[in-house]
Protein backbone atom coordinates (compact mmCIF):
# COMPACT_ATOMS: atom_id res chain seq x y z
CA MET A 1 0.00 0.00 0.00
CA LEU A 2 2.98 2.37 0.47
CA LYS A 3 3.25 2.89 -3.28
CA GLN A 4 -0.25 4.37 -3.21
CA TRP A 5 0.61 7.14 -0.75
CA LEU A 6 -0.56 10.35 -2.27
CA LEU A 7 -0.23 12.66 0.72
CA TYR A 8 2.26 12.89 3.56
CA ILE A 9 1.84 15.52 6.26
CA LEU A 10 5.36 16.74 7.05
CA LEU A 11 6.11 17.49 10.69
CA VAL A 12 7.57 21.00 10.87
CA LEU A 13 9.13 22.18 14.11
CA ALA A 14 8.88 25.89 13.39
CA SER A 15 5.87 27.16 15.31
CA SER A 16 4.82 29.64 12.64
CA LEU A 17 4.49 26.87 10.09
CA LEU A 18 2.86 24.49 12.55
CA ASN A 19 0.21 26.96 13.63
CA ALA A 20 -0.56 27.84 10.04
CA GLN A 21 -1.70 24.29 9.36
CA VAL A 22 -3.58 23.40 12.58
CA SER A 23 -7.20 24.21 13.35
CA ASN A 24 -8.85 23.01 16.55
CA ASP A 25 -12.36 24.03 15.41
CA CYS A 26 -14.54 22.30 12.84
CA ALA A 27 -15.73 25.64 11.45
CA SER A 28 -12.18 26.55 10.48
CA ALA A 29 -11.18 23.03 9.35
CA ILE A 30 -8.12 23.09 7.11
CA PRO A 31 -8.98 22.21 3.50
CA ILE A 32 -6.75 19.50 2.06
CA CYS A 33 -6.54 18.03 -1.41
CA ALA A 34 -4.28 16.07 -3.73
CA ASN A 35 -0.55 16.76 -3.31
CA THR A 36 -1.16 18.97 -0.28
CA PRO A 37 1.61 18.62 2.34
CA ILE A 38 -0.04 19.88 5.52
CA ASN A 39 1.51 19.98 8.96
CA GLY A 40 0.10 17.79 11.72
CA GLY A 41 -0.33 18.64 15.38
CA ALA A 42 -2.97 19.29 18.00
CA SER A 43 -3.09 21.64 20.96
CA GLY A 44 -6.35 22.11 22.85
CA PHE A 45 -9.76 22.80 21.35
CA GLY A 46 -11.73 25.95 20.80
CA ILE A 47 -15.50 25.93 20.44
CA ASP A 48 -17.10 22.61 21.45
CA ASP A 49 -18.11 21.17 18.07
CA PHE A 50 -20.45 18.61 19.69
CA ASN A 51 -22.68 21.00 21.67
CA GLY A 52 -21.97 19.46 25.05
CA SER A 53 -22.53 15.85 23.95
CA ASN A 54 -20.38 13.23 25.67
CA ARG A 55 -20.35 10.83 22.73
CA SER A 56 -19.94 10.92 18.95
CA GLY A 57 -19.79 7.50 17.36
CA CYS A 58 -17.01 5.64 19.14
CA LEU A 59 -15.55 8.83 20.65
CA GLU A 60 -16.25 9.40 24.34
CA ALA A 61 -15.82 12.35 26.64
CA THR A 62 -12.49 12.59 28.43
CA THR A 63 -11.90 13.59 32.05
CA SER A 64 -12.41 17.20 30.94
CA GLY A 65 -16.05 16.38 30.16
CA ALA A 66 -15.67 17.10 26.42
CA ILE A 67 -15.08 14.77 23.49
CA GLU A 68 -12.24 16.90 22.12
CA SER A 69 -9.10 17.17 24.20
CA ASN A 70 -6.24 18.15 21.86
CA SER A 71 -7.81 18.26 18.44
CA SER A 72 -7.17 19.16 14.84
CA TRP A 73 -9.85 19.43 12.13
CA TYR A 74 -9.46 18.93 8.35
CA ARG A 75 -11.89 18.80 5.48
CA PHE A 76 -11.74 17.40 1.96
CA ARG A 77 -14.03 16.78 -1.00
CA THR A 78 -13.90 13.69 -3.23
CA ASN A 79 -13.63 14.20 -6.95
CA ALA A 80 -13.82 10.55 -8.10
CA ALA A 81 -15.47 7.23 -7.25
CA GLY A 82 -13.62 4.31 -5.72
CA GLN A 83 -11.99 2.94 -2.59
CA LEU A 84 -10.48 5.46 -0.17
CA GLY A 85 -8.44 5.08 2.98
CA PHE A 86 -5.84 6.93 4.98
CA ASN A 87 -2.99 6.26 7.40
CA ILE A 88 -2.35 8.53 10.38
CA GLY A 89 1.22 8.01 11.48
CA HIS A 90 2.31 9.13 14.94
CA ASP A 91 4.71 8.46 17.80
CA ALA A 92 4.06 4.90 18.98
CA LEU A 93 4.13 6.03 22.61
CA GLU A 94 1.25 8.49 22.11
CA ASP A 95 -2.49 7.81 21.95
CA TRP A 96 -4.30 9.35 18.96
CA ASP A 97 -7.88 8.81 17.79
CA PHE A 98 -9.97 9.97 14.87
CA ALA A 99 -13.51 10.33 13.57
CA LEU A 100 -14.50 10.87 9.92
CA TYR A 101 -17.82 12.58 9.13
CA LEU A 102 -19.67 12.68 5.80
CA ALA A 103 -21.24 16.13 6.09
CA ASP A 104 -21.64 19.38 4.18
CA ASP A 105 -21.09 21.64 7.20
CA CYS A 106 -20.10 21.51 10.85
CA ASN A 107 -23.62 22.20 12.09
CA ASN A 108 -24.87 18.82 10.89
CA LEU A 109 -22.01 16.36 11.35
CA GLY A 110 -24.19 13.37 12.28
CA GLU A 111 -22.52 10.13 13.29
CA PRO A 112 -19.00 9.37 11.99
CA VAL A 113 -18.73 6.96 9.06
CA ARG A 114 -15.36 5.72 10.38
CA CYS A 115 -14.13 6.01 13.94
CA ASN A 116 -11.28 4.92 16.24
CA PHE A 117 -11.14 5.21 20.04
CA PHE A 118 -8.70 2.42 20.96
CA ASP A 119 -5.95 3.06 23.45
CA ASN A 120 -2.49 2.43 22.06
CA ARG A 121 -1.28 -0.17 24.52
CA ASP A 122 0.15 -2.16 21.56
CA GLU A 123 2.19 0.93 20.60
CA ASN A 124 1.07 0.92 16.97
CA GLN A 125 2.59 3.59 14.74
CA TYR A 126 -0.52 3.97 12.58
CA ILE A 127 -4.27 4.36 12.92
CA GLY A 128 -6.64 4.86 10.02
CA VAL A 129 -8.95 3.44 7.37
CA GLY A 130 -8.00 0.60 5.02
CA MET A 131 -4.80 -1.27 5.83
CA ASP A 132 -1.81 -0.62 8.09
CA PRO A 133 1.08 0.24 5.70
CA SER A 134 3.50 -1.80 7.80
CA GLY A 135 1.48 -4.93 6.96
CA ASP A 136 0.63 -5.62 10.62
CA SER A 137 -2.78 -6.82 11.76
CA ASN A 138 -3.96 -3.64 13.49
CA LEU A 139 -7.28 -3.35 15.33
CA GLN A 140 -7.03 0.43 15.05
CA TYR A 141 -7.93 0.29 11.35
CA GLU A 142 -11.47 0.70 10.04
CA ASP A 143 -12.77 -0.86 6.78
CA TRP A 144 -12.12 0.82 3.45
CA LEU A 145 -14.44 3.69 2.52
CA THR A 146 -16.33 3.58 -0.79
CA VAL A 147 -16.68 7.16 -2.06
CA GLU A 148 -18.51 8.98 -4.85
CA PRO A 149 -17.63 12.35 -6.46
CA ASN A 150 -18.60 15.58 -4.68
CA GLN A 151 -18.83 14.14 -1.17
CA ASN A 152 -17.67 16.42 1.66
CA TYR A 153 -15.84 14.95 4.63
CA TYR A 154 -14.62 16.34 7.95
CA LEU A 155 -11.74 14.58 9.72
CA LEU A 156 -11.18 15.06 13.45
CA ILE A 157 -7.80 13.90 14.77
CA ASN A 158 -7.62 13.92 18.56
CA ASN A 159 -4.68 13.44 20.94
CA PHE A 160 -5.35 11.84 24.32
CA SER A 161 -1.69 11.87 25.31
CA SER A 162 0.22 14.23 27.58
CA SER A 163 2.74 14.81 24.77
CA ASP A 164 2.25 15.90 21.17
CA SER A 165 4.91 14.90 18.65
CA GLY A 166 2.57 15.61 15.75
CA PHE A 167 1.25 13.22 13.16
CA SER A 168 1.34 12.47 9.45
CA VAL A 169 -1.47 11.53 7.08
CA GLN A 170 -1.24 9.49 3.89
CA PHE A 171 -4.26 8.91 1.68
CA THR A 172 -4.53 5.47 0.07
CA GLY A 173 -6.91 3.40 -2.04
CA ASP A 174 -7.58 2.51 -5.65
CA VAL A 175 -9.29 5.88 -6.24
CA PHE A 176 -5.74 7.26 -6.54
CA ASN A 177 -4.89 4.68 -9.21
CA THR A 178 -7.76 5.83 -11.42
CA ASN A 179 -7.44 9.54 -10.51
CA PRO A 180 -3.88 10.10 -9.29
CA ASN A 181 -3.98 13.91 -9.61
CA ASP A 182 -7.58 14.85 -8.85
CA ALA A 183 -9.06 12.16 -6.57
CA LEU A 184 -9.50 14.96 -4.02
CA ASP A 185 -10.92 18.28 -5.17
CA CYS A 186 -8.50 21.21 -4.84
CA SER A 187 -11.15 23.80 -5.74
CA ILE A 188 -12.09 23.97 -2.03
CA ILE A 189 -8.81 25.81 -1.44
CA SER A 190 -9.30 29.48 -2.37
CA ASN A 191 -5.83 30.93 -2.76
CA LEU A 192 -4.13 32.98 -5.46
CA LEU A 193 -1.04 30.79 -5.26
CA GLY A 194 -3.11 27.60 -5.00
CA ALA A 195 -2.73 24.60 -2.74
CA PRO A 196 0.47 23.84 -0.83
CA ILE A 197 3.03 22.16 -3.06
CA ALA A 198 5.16 19.03 -2.62
CA ALA A 199 8.27 18.74 -4.79
CA CYS A 200 11.54 16.85 -4.95
CA GLU A 201 14.97 18.22 -4.13
CA ASN A 202 17.13 19.26 -7.08
CA GLY A 203 13.92 20.34 -8.79
CA THR A 204 12.26 23.73 -9.07
CA VAL A 205 8.75 25.07 -8.54
CA VAL A 206 7.28 28.11 -10.30
CA LEU A 207 4.82 30.16 -8.23
CA ASP A 208 2.44 32.16 -10.42
CA ALA A 209 0.57 35.17 -9.00
CA THR A 210 -0.40 36.69 -12.33
CA THR A 211 -3.21 39.17 -11.83
CA ALA A 212 -4.64 41.15 -14.77
CA THR A 213 -4.82 44.50 -12.95
CA ALA A 214 -1.54 44.19 -11.06
CA VAL A 215 0.62 47.25 -10.65
CA SER A 216 3.44 45.54 -8.74
CA TYR A 217 4.48 42.25 -7.18
CA SER A 218 6.53 41.69 -4.02
CA TRP A 219 7.71 38.25 -2.84
CA TYR A 220 8.52 37.07 0.69
CA ARG A 221 9.84 33.87 2.28
CA ASP A 222 9.51 32.45 5.81
CA ILE A 223 11.87 29.62 6.79
CA GLY A 224 10.90 29.73 10.46
CA SER A 225 11.82 33.22 11.61
CA GLY A 226 9.13 35.29 9.95
CA PHE A 227 8.62 36.59 6.43
CA GLN A 228 11.64 38.20 4.80
CA THR A 229 11.65 40.06 1.47
CA ILE A 230 13.17 38.16 -1.43
CA PRO A 231 15.45 40.74 -3.09
CA SER A 232 15.16 41.58 -6.79
CA GLN A 233 11.95 39.59 -7.25
CA SER A 234 9.14 41.72 -8.66
CA ASN A 235 7.76 39.57 -11.48
CA ALA A 236 4.39 37.79 -11.52
CA THR A 237 6.19 34.45 -11.20
CA LEU A 238 8.84 33.18 -8.80
CA THR A 239 11.09 30.14 -9.41
CA ILE A 240 12.14 28.47 -6.14
CA ASN A 241 14.09 25.41 -4.94
CA LEU A 242 13.92 25.85 -1.14
CA SER A 243 11.30 24.59 1.33
CA ALA A 244 9.54 27.50 3.02
CA LEU A 245 6.28 29.37 3.40
CA TYR A 246 6.05 31.85 0.53
CA ARG A 247 3.99 35.03 0.29
CA VAL A 248 3.18 37.35 -2.58
CA GLN A 249 1.83 40.87 -2.28
CA VAL A 250 0.00 42.03 -5.38
CA ILE A 251 -0.89 45.72 -5.61
CA THR A 252 -3.63 46.55 -8.09
CA SER A 253 -5.30 49.84 -8.92
CA THR A 254 -8.08 49.04 -6.47
CA GLU A 255 -6.72 46.67 -3.79
CA THR A 256 -3.77 44.84 -2.24
CA ILE A 257 -3.85 41.02 -2.44
CA ILE A 258 -1.76 38.90 -0.07
CA SER A 259 -1.50 35.13 -0.71
CA ASP A 260 0.57 32.47 1.09
CA VAL A 261 1.56 28.98 -0.02
CA GLN A 262 3.65 26.32 1.65
CA VAL A 263 6.25 24.55 -0.53
CA SER A 264 8.10 21.48 0.66
CA PHE A 265 11.05 19.93 -1.18
CA SER A 266 11.51 16.31 -0.15
CA LEU A 267 14.79 14.46 -0.09
CA ALA A 268 15.27 12.49 -3.31
CA PRO A 269 16.48 8.91 -2.74
CA ILE A 270 19.40 7.29 -4.51
CA THR A 271 19.27 3.50 -4.79
CA ALA A 272 22.52 1.75 -3.93
CA PRO A 273 23.78 -1.18 -6.08
CA ILE A 274 22.09 -4.48 -5.21
CA SER A 275 23.71 -7.89 -5.48
CA ASP A 276 22.18 -10.77 -7.41
CA GLU A 277 20.64 -13.60 -5.43
CA VAL A 278 20.30 -17.36 -5.80
CA VAL A 279 17.48 -18.84 -3.71
CA CYS A 280 15.65 -22.11 -3.29
CA SER A 281 12.41 -22.24 -5.25
CA SER A 282 9.65 -23.39 -2.95
CA ALA A 283 5.93 -22.62 -2.96
CA ASP A 284 5.63 -23.16 0.80
CA VAL A 285 8.73 -21.10 1.74
CA PRO A 286 8.55 -17.73 -0.10
CA TYR A 287 11.58 -15.48 -0.54
CA ASP A 288 11.59 -12.41 1.74
CA LEU A 289 12.35 -9.40 -0.46
CA ARG A 290 12.71 -7.20 2.62
CA GLN A 291 16.20 -8.57 3.18
CA LYS A 292 17.30 -6.53 0.13
CA ASP A 293 16.05 -3.24 1.66
CA ILE A 294 19.32 -2.58 3.49
CA GLU A 295 21.31 -2.95 0.28
CA ALA A 296 18.96 -0.66 -1.64
CA LEU A 297 19.02 2.08 1.01
CA GLY A 298 22.75 2.02 1.69
CA SER A 299 23.49 4.78 4.22
CA GLN A 300 20.10 6.49 3.78
CA ASP A 301 17.69 6.72 6.72
CA PRO A 302 15.25 3.75 6.57
CA ASN A 303 12.67 5.89 8.40
CA SER A 304 12.64 8.40 5.52
CA PHE A 305 12.29 6.06 2.55
CA VAL A 306 10.37 2.97 1.53
CA VAL A 307 11.65 0.20 -0.76
CA SER A 308 9.34 -1.71 -3.10
CA TYR A 309 9.93 -4.34 -5.78
CA TYR A 310 8.49 -4.95 -9.27
CA SER A 311 8.76 -7.43 -12.12
CA SER A 312 9.17 -4.73 -14.82
CA LEU A 313 10.76 -1.31 -15.12
CA SER A 314 7.49 0.26 -16.25
CA ASP A 315 5.72 -1.04 -13.11
CA ALA A 316 8.54 0.34 -10.95
CA GLN A 317 8.24 3.74 -12.63
CA THR A 318 4.47 3.94 -12.12
CA GLY A 319 4.48 2.23 -8.71
CA LEU A 320 1.84 -0.26 -9.88
CA ASN A 321 1.71 -4.05 -9.36
CA GLU A 322 4.14 -4.10 -6.44
CA LEU A 323 5.47 -7.59 -5.67
CA PRO A 324 4.59 -8.99 -2.24
CA LYS A 325 7.46 -8.83 0.22
CA SER A 326 6.94 -12.57 0.88
CA TYR A 327 7.52 -13.48 -2.75
CA PRO A 328 6.72 -17.04 -3.93
CA LYS A 329 9.78 -17.41 -6.15
CA LEU A 330 9.39 -19.91 -8.99
CA GLU A 331 12.21 -21.85 -10.53
CA GLY A 332 14.27 -19.85 -13.03
CA LEU A 333 16.01 -16.50 -13.47
CA GLU A 334 14.17 -13.17 -13.37
CA THR A 335 15.08 -9.52 -12.94
CA ILE A 336 13.60 -7.65 -9.99
CA TYR A 337 13.31 -3.86 -10.35
CA VAL A 338 13.70 -1.73 -7.22
CA ARG A 339 11.90 1.51 -6.41
CA VAL A 340 13.04 3.64 -3.46
CA SER A 341 10.48 6.36 -2.60
CA SER A 342 10.43 9.23 -0.16
CA LEU A 343 7.95 8.84 2.67
CA GLU A 344 7.33 12.60 2.63
CA ASN A 345 6.54 12.63 -1.05
CA PRO A 346 6.13 9.35 -2.94
CA ASN A 347 6.62 11.23 -6.21
CA CYS A 348 10.28 11.55 -5.22
CA PHE A 349 11.66 8.13 -6.18
CA ASP A 350 14.53 6.34 -7.88
CA VAL A 351 14.26 3.22 -10.08
CA SER A 352 17.85 3.06 -11.29
CA GLU A 353 18.73 -0.33 -9.81
CA SER A 354 17.66 -3.94 -10.31
CA PHE A 355 19.00 -7.37 -9.45
CA ASP A 356 18.72 -10.91 -10.77
CA LEU A 357 16.84 -13.40 -8.62
CA ASN A 358 17.56 -16.99 -9.63
CA GLY A 359 15.36 -19.72 -8.19
CA ILE A 360 16.82 -23.22 -8.14
CA ALA A 361 14.45 -26.09 -7.61
CA ALA A 362 14.32 -27.40 -4.09
CA PRO A 363 14.32 -31.20 -3.88
CA VAL A 364 10.97 -32.90 -4.31
CA LEU A 365 10.37 -35.93 -2.11
CA GLY A 366 7.41 -38.18 -2.81
CA VAL A 367 7.94 -40.65 0.01
CA ASP A 368 5.12 -41.97 2.15
CA GLN A 369 5.36 -40.42 5.59
CA GLN A 370 3.72 -43.40 7.28
CA VAL A 371 4.72 -46.98 6.47
CA PHE A 372 3.52 -50.26 8.01
CA ILE A 373 5.50 -53.42 8.58
CA CYS A 374 4.08 -56.76 9.64
CA GLU A 375 4.61 -58.08 13.14
CA ASP A 376 6.27 -61.20 11.76
CA GLY A 377 9.45 -59.12 11.32
CA SER A 378 9.56 -59.18 7.52
CA ALA A 379 11.60 -56.34 5.93
CA THR A 380 10.29 -53.49 3.78
CA THR A 381 11.80 -50.69 1.72
CA ILE A 382 11.24 -47.00 2.50
CA GLY A 383 12.37 -43.83 0.71
CA GLU A 384 12.46 -42.67 -2.89
CA ALA A 385 11.68 -45.37 -5.43
CA THR A 386 12.82 -43.05 -8.26
CA SER A 387 15.94 -41.07 -7.34
CA SER A 388 17.33 -37.90 -8.91
CA PRO A 389 20.99 -37.63 -9.91
CA ASN A 390 20.88 -33.95 -8.87
CA TYR A 391 20.18 -34.76 -5.22
CA VAL A 392 22.44 -35.89 -2.41
CA TYR A 393 20.56 -38.23 -0.06
CA SER A 394 21.22 -39.01 3.58
CA TRP A 395 19.32 -40.89 6.29
CA SER A 396 19.16 -40.51 10.05
CA THR A 397 20.57 -44.06 10.12
CA GLY A 398 23.75 -42.86 8.39
CA GLU A 399 22.98 -44.40 5.01
CA VAL A 400 23.38 -42.24 1.88
CA THR A 401 21.06 -43.95 -0.61
CA PRO A 402 17.62 -42.80 -1.88
CA PHE A 403 15.95 -45.75 -0.11
CA ILE A 404 16.78 -48.21 2.66
CA THR A 405 15.49 -51.60 3.81
CA ILE A 406 14.22 -51.80 7.39
CA SER A 407 12.54 -54.44 9.56
CA ASN A 408 12.03 -52.50 12.81
CA PRO A 409 9.41 -49.88 13.64
CA GLY A 410 10.55 -46.33 14.47
CA VAL A 411 11.09 -42.87 13.01
CA TYR A 412 13.40 -42.48 10.00
CA ILE A 413 14.42 -39.12 8.47
CA LEU A 414 15.42 -38.75 4.82
CA THR A 415 17.26 -35.58 3.71
CA ALA A 416 17.76 -34.57 0.07
CA THR A 417 20.04 -31.67 -0.91
CA THR A 418 20.66 -29.83 -4.17
CA SER A 419 22.99 -26.87 -4.63
CA GLN A 420 24.24 -24.16 -6.96
CA GLY A 421 27.40 -22.36 -5.94
CA SER A 422 27.16 -21.54 -2.25
CA THR A 423 23.37 -21.96 -2.14
CA PHE A 424 22.10 -25.27 -0.76
CA CYS A 425 18.45 -26.29 -0.93
CA VAL A 426 17.45 -28.94 1.57
CA ARG A 427 14.23 -30.91 1.93
CA THR A 428 13.55 -33.48 4.65
CA ARG A 429 10.86 -36.06 5.19
CA THR A 430 10.09 -37.87 8.42
CA ILE A 431 8.86 -41.43 7.90
CA GLU A 432 7.06 -43.17 10.73
CA VAL A 433 7.29 -46.96 10.50
CA ILE A 434 4.48 -48.68 12.41
CA THR A 435 3.97 -52.36 13.19
CA SER A 436 0.73 -53.66 11.75
CA VAL A 437 -0.77 -56.68 13.56
CA SER A 438 -2.17 -59.73 11.83
CA PRO A 439 -5.94 -60.15 11.66
CA GLU A 440 -7.65 -62.37 14.25
CA ILE A 441 -11.34 -63.18 14.58
CA SER A 442 -12.43 -63.30 18.22
CA ALA A 443 -16.10 -64.16 17.74
CA ILE A 444 -18.84 -64.47 15.12
CA GLU A 445 -22.38 -63.77 16.26
CA ILE A 446 -25.48 -64.89 14.33
CA ASP A 447 -28.61 -62.95 15.30
CA ASP A 448 -32.17 -62.35 14.21
CA PHE A 449 -32.58 -65.76 12.56
CA SER A 450 -35.72 -66.04 10.53
CA ILE A 451 -35.62 -66.39 6.77
CA THR A 452 -32.29 -64.56 6.84
CA SER A 453 -29.78 -63.73 9.60
CA THR A 454 -27.34 -61.01 10.67
CA VAL A 455 -23.74 -62.14 11.02
CA THR A 456 -21.31 -60.02 13.07
CA VAL A 457 -17.55 -60.60 13.10
CA THR A 458 -15.67 -59.16 16.11
CA THR A 459 -12.00 -58.96 16.99
CA ASP A 460 -10.02 -58.08 20.10
CA VAL A 461 -7.04 -56.98 18.00
CA ILE A 462 -6.46 -53.24 17.38
CA GLY A 463 -5.58 -52.55 13.77
CA ASP A 464 -6.81 -51.54 10.34
CA PHE A 465 -9.00 -54.34 9.01
CA GLU A 466 -11.79 -54.97 6.53
CA TYR A 467 -14.25 -57.84 6.12
CA ARG A 468 -16.30 -59.78 3.60
CA ILE A 469 -18.53 -62.86 3.50
CA ASP A 470 -18.35 -65.33 0.61
CA ASN A 471 -17.79 -63.40 -2.65
CA SER A 472 -19.11 -60.03 -1.53
CA GLU A 473 -17.01 -56.82 -1.59
CA TYR A 474 -14.75 -56.02 1.35
CA GLN A 475 -16.19 -53.55 3.84
CA SER A 476 -14.86 -51.63 6.85
CA VAL A 477 -17.29 -53.17 9.37
CA GLY A 478 -17.76 -56.81 10.26
CA THR A 479 -21.57 -56.88 10.20
CA PHE A 480 -23.45 -58.61 7.36
CA GLU A 481 -27.21 -58.57 7.03
CA ASP A 482 -29.72 -60.75 5.18
CA ILE A 483 -27.51 -63.86 5.17
CA LEU A 484 -29.32 -67.00 4.05
CA PRO A 485 -29.07 -70.28 6.04
CA GLY A 486 -26.21 -72.60 5.14
CA ASN A 487 -22.43 -72.74 5.32
CA HIS A 488 -20.53 -69.53 4.53
CA THR A 489 -16.94 -68.27 4.45
CA VAL A 490 -15.98 -65.14 6.39
CA TYR A 491 -12.80 -63.19 5.44
CA MET A 492 -10.83 -60.68 7.54
CA ARG A 493 -7.73 -58.96 6.13
CA ASP A 494 -5.21 -56.35 7.26
CA LEU A 495 -5.34 -53.16 5.19
CA ASN A 496 -1.56 -52.86 5.42
CA GLY A 497 -0.96 -56.18 3.71
CA CYS A 498 -0.23 -58.25 6.81
CA GLY A 499 -2.40 -61.27 6.09
CA VAL A 500 -5.89 -62.59 5.45
CA ILE A 501 -7.72 -65.16 7.59
CA THR A 502 -10.88 -67.11 6.79
CA GLU A 503 -13.45 -68.93 8.88
CA GLU A 504 -16.16 -71.35 7.80
CA ILE A 505 -19.45 -70.76 9.60
CA ALA A 506 -22.91 -72.30 9.54
CA VAL A 507 -25.84 -69.93 9.59
CA VAL A 508 -28.66 -71.66 11.47
CA GLY A 509 -31.25 -70.71 14.09
CA TYR A 510 -32.38 -72.21 17.38
CA PHE A 511 -34.62 -71.50 20.35
CA ALA A 512 -33.02 -70.23 23.56
CA TYR A 513 -35.29 -72.52 25.63
CA PHE A 514 -38.04 -75.15 25.35
CA SER A 515 -40.61 -76.66 27.76
CA PRO A 516 -41.39 -80.35 27.12
CA ASN A 517 -44.51 -80.49 29.32
CA GLY A 518 -46.90 -82.01 26.77
CA ASP A 519 -49.00 -78.88 26.23
CA GLY A 520 -48.17 -78.86 22.53
CA ILE A 521 -46.35 -75.53 22.80
CA ASN A 522 -42.56 -75.53 22.38
CA ASP A 523 -42.31 -79.15 23.47
CA ASN A 524 -39.25 -79.91 21.34
CA TRP A 525 -35.90 -78.19 20.80
CA SER A 526 -34.42 -78.04 17.29
CA ILE A 527 -32.05 -76.08 15.03
CA GLU A 528 -33.63 -74.43 12.03
CA GLY A 529 -31.77 -74.53 8.72
CA LEU A 530 -30.00 -77.87 9.07
CA GLU A 531 -31.43 -78.86 5.71
CA HIS A 532 -29.10 -76.32 4.10
CA LEU A 533 -26.02 -78.11 5.44
CA ASN A 534 -24.33 -81.25 4.18
CA GLU A 535 -24.57 -84.17 6.66
CA PRO A 536 -25.12 -81.99 9.73
CA ILE A 537 -24.70 -83.42 13.25
CA VAL A 538 -25.86 -81.53 16.35
CA SER A 539 -24.44 -82.93 19.62
CA ILE A 540 -26.27 -81.98 22.86
CA TYR A 541 -24.51 -82.17 26.27
CA ASN A 542 -25.57 -81.65 29.84
CA ARG A 543 -23.73 -79.22 32.10
CA TYR A 544 -21.19 -81.94 33.02
CA GLY A 545 -20.26 -82.60 29.39
CA LYS A 546 -22.14 -85.87 28.98
CA LEU A 547 -23.50 -86.51 25.48
CA ILE A 548 -27.28 -86.62 25.77
CA LYS A 549 -28.53 -86.52 22.19
CA GLN A 550 -27.35 -86.17 18.57
CA LEU A 551 -29.51 -84.68 15.85
CA ASN A 552 -28.98 -85.11 12.12
CA GLY A 553 -30.78 -84.60 8.87
CA ASN A 554 -33.25 -87.37 9.73
CA ASP A 555 -33.69 -86.73 13.46
CA THR A 556 -33.97 -82.97 13.76
CA SER A 557 -35.44 -82.33 17.27
CA TRP A 558 -35.04 -83.35 20.93
CA ASP A 559 -37.97 -84.00 23.30
CA GLY A 560 -35.98 -83.49 26.53
CA THR A 561 -35.47 -87.20 27.44
CA PHE A 562 -32.46 -89.49 27.74
CA SER A 563 -32.94 -93.29 27.53
CA GLY A 564 -36.67 -92.78 28.06
CA GLN A 565 -36.18 -90.63 31.18
CA GLN A 566 -37.11 -86.95 31.41
CA MET A 567 -34.06 -84.77 31.83
CA PRO A 568 -34.08 -82.24 34.66
CA GLU A 569 -34.68 -78.54 34.22
CA SER A 570 -31.26 -77.04 33.47
CA ASP A 571 -28.97 -75.49 30.83
CA TYR A 572 -27.73 -77.72 28.00
CA TRP A 573 -24.96 -77.16 25.46
CA PHE A 574 -24.61 -78.08 21.83
CA LYS A 575 -22.11 -78.03 18.98
CA LEU A 576 -22.64 -78.37 15.25
CA SER A 577 -20.53 -80.13 12.62
CA TYR A 578 -21.08 -80.57 8.89
CA VAL A 579 -19.25 -81.63 5.75
CA ASP A 580 -17.81 -78.75 3.70
CA ASP A 581 -17.52 -78.51 -0.07
CA ASN A 582 -14.16 -80.30 0.07
CA GLY A 583 -15.61 -83.34 1.84
CA SER A 584 -14.07 -82.53 5.23
CA ARG A 585 -16.13 -82.54 8.39
CA LEU A 586 -15.95 -79.19 10.15
CA VAL A 587 -16.98 -78.30 13.69
CA ASP A 588 -18.34 -74.77 13.85
CA LYS A 589 -16.17 -73.33 16.64
CA PHE A 590 -18.27 -70.19 16.90
CA LEU A 591 -21.56 -72.07 17.35
CA ARG A 592 -21.05 -73.69 20.75
CA LYS A 593 -24.03 -72.30 22.60
CA ASN A 594 -26.34 -73.17 25.45
CA PHE A 595 -30.12 -73.33 25.73
CA ALA A 596 -32.50 -73.93 28.66
CA LEU A 597 -34.94 -76.71 29.44
CA HIS A 598 -37.93 -75.53 31.53
CA ARG A 599 -40.49 -77.83 33.15
């Protein structure tokens, strides 16, 4: 934003100049416009511009009981449409506030459109509207102002400090890009010699007091000790090259006209030679152009000048398209053009120097940053599968190859380096090697048996697993719904490639209890779905492990007796076996359940 500064209020120590540019009353607010270098300061207030009110927008009354304490009023009129802001620079140890009013006169100010009443405990150097020129995140900045032509504004700047070192004001915003010379209307300044003038040292300014009915002209200059006659100057124009307050006295046939104008010549910067730079090209680590400021300024005061950078000479000359100070340098060679501007007057600048900025590619590492190895101790390879001959590789283990073979978990660091001359670009990657456990099925539950069942696979092992049943797709959870009766195969596999296990299960249903009391209701216990199995055998045991009954495809239920005797009321256990598709008899290890006999 510094390149957009259009106005800088120069602090002048001489009291005659200072008083000439300070007004503590709204009614006598100092008119300001484009290229107007006005002095900044505040000392008391005159008439209360708020009619005894103790609040105006964010401004509050001080201990004196009035809103204004040490105030200065300015007014300006917009002459273009766009975005407008301003920076009020001041001593960081002092506390300044402001309020901006959109109003045609002081009798009807209304509420401020922008306002600041923060204390300065953070010791900021700027308050204002838009963006802090230092780039800091500053709560003492209000949002940009959108303006239209012919709008009148009054700006109150107030000092709540015990000291007054003065202040500076710089107008900013894109309205000065579209209308650099007339964004603010200078017609509000009624003066024969016009608005105050900002110029650059080693230049000249021509003051023109031409008046049609003039009889004589006399010129005077005040450099801080009062107006003194400028000898041998009696023409309508005066060519000057010295900062001062100038006065002309024009005598006509009917009147005497006296007009004053302030002229300030700002120090012109000279850019020192700047060395070329080779940097690492990296999108996530931009190059800080600010480190070249010291070279560009040389012995010049960094508080008096600002350095900015551009990708073309024309941009540097116009001050447009400034490069960000945190510059994302791409690979390759480019020329950076440097502009050094005066803070007092941004029109005083030098663009005589440039430097080459060469970006060399930082190493690119595509390694996985998390790798799994199996708990059986088998080895795996980590690192770069495709190496670059331009890189030098090194590992935290001491090895100097693009990849290494490891069999133990831990943290491994790979470093790749490329260089050009004395510039080294380094990229590191930390690889965490984690042991991945083998899959293990702890239990398989079969619920909700009717026409179909729900099968749930559970495990006590912590890991990354997925599941499937028969030829279905793998899924992240071990629950399968709508499973038909019969024998099925359940799969569980480790996502990190450390094994797959399978289990054969039989999906059948049974009653949790039965009551063989001859009432015709639930008199027999059986397993539903045996007809879907090949040569099934259900073995029933009492609580002591004695075989009581075996069911098969022909004898599919138990009436609760053993050798013609009724068995007592108790819990009984069963297991199921069947012949699989390979002709082997399998015992379903997950279907060893109990049921109850009630009398």
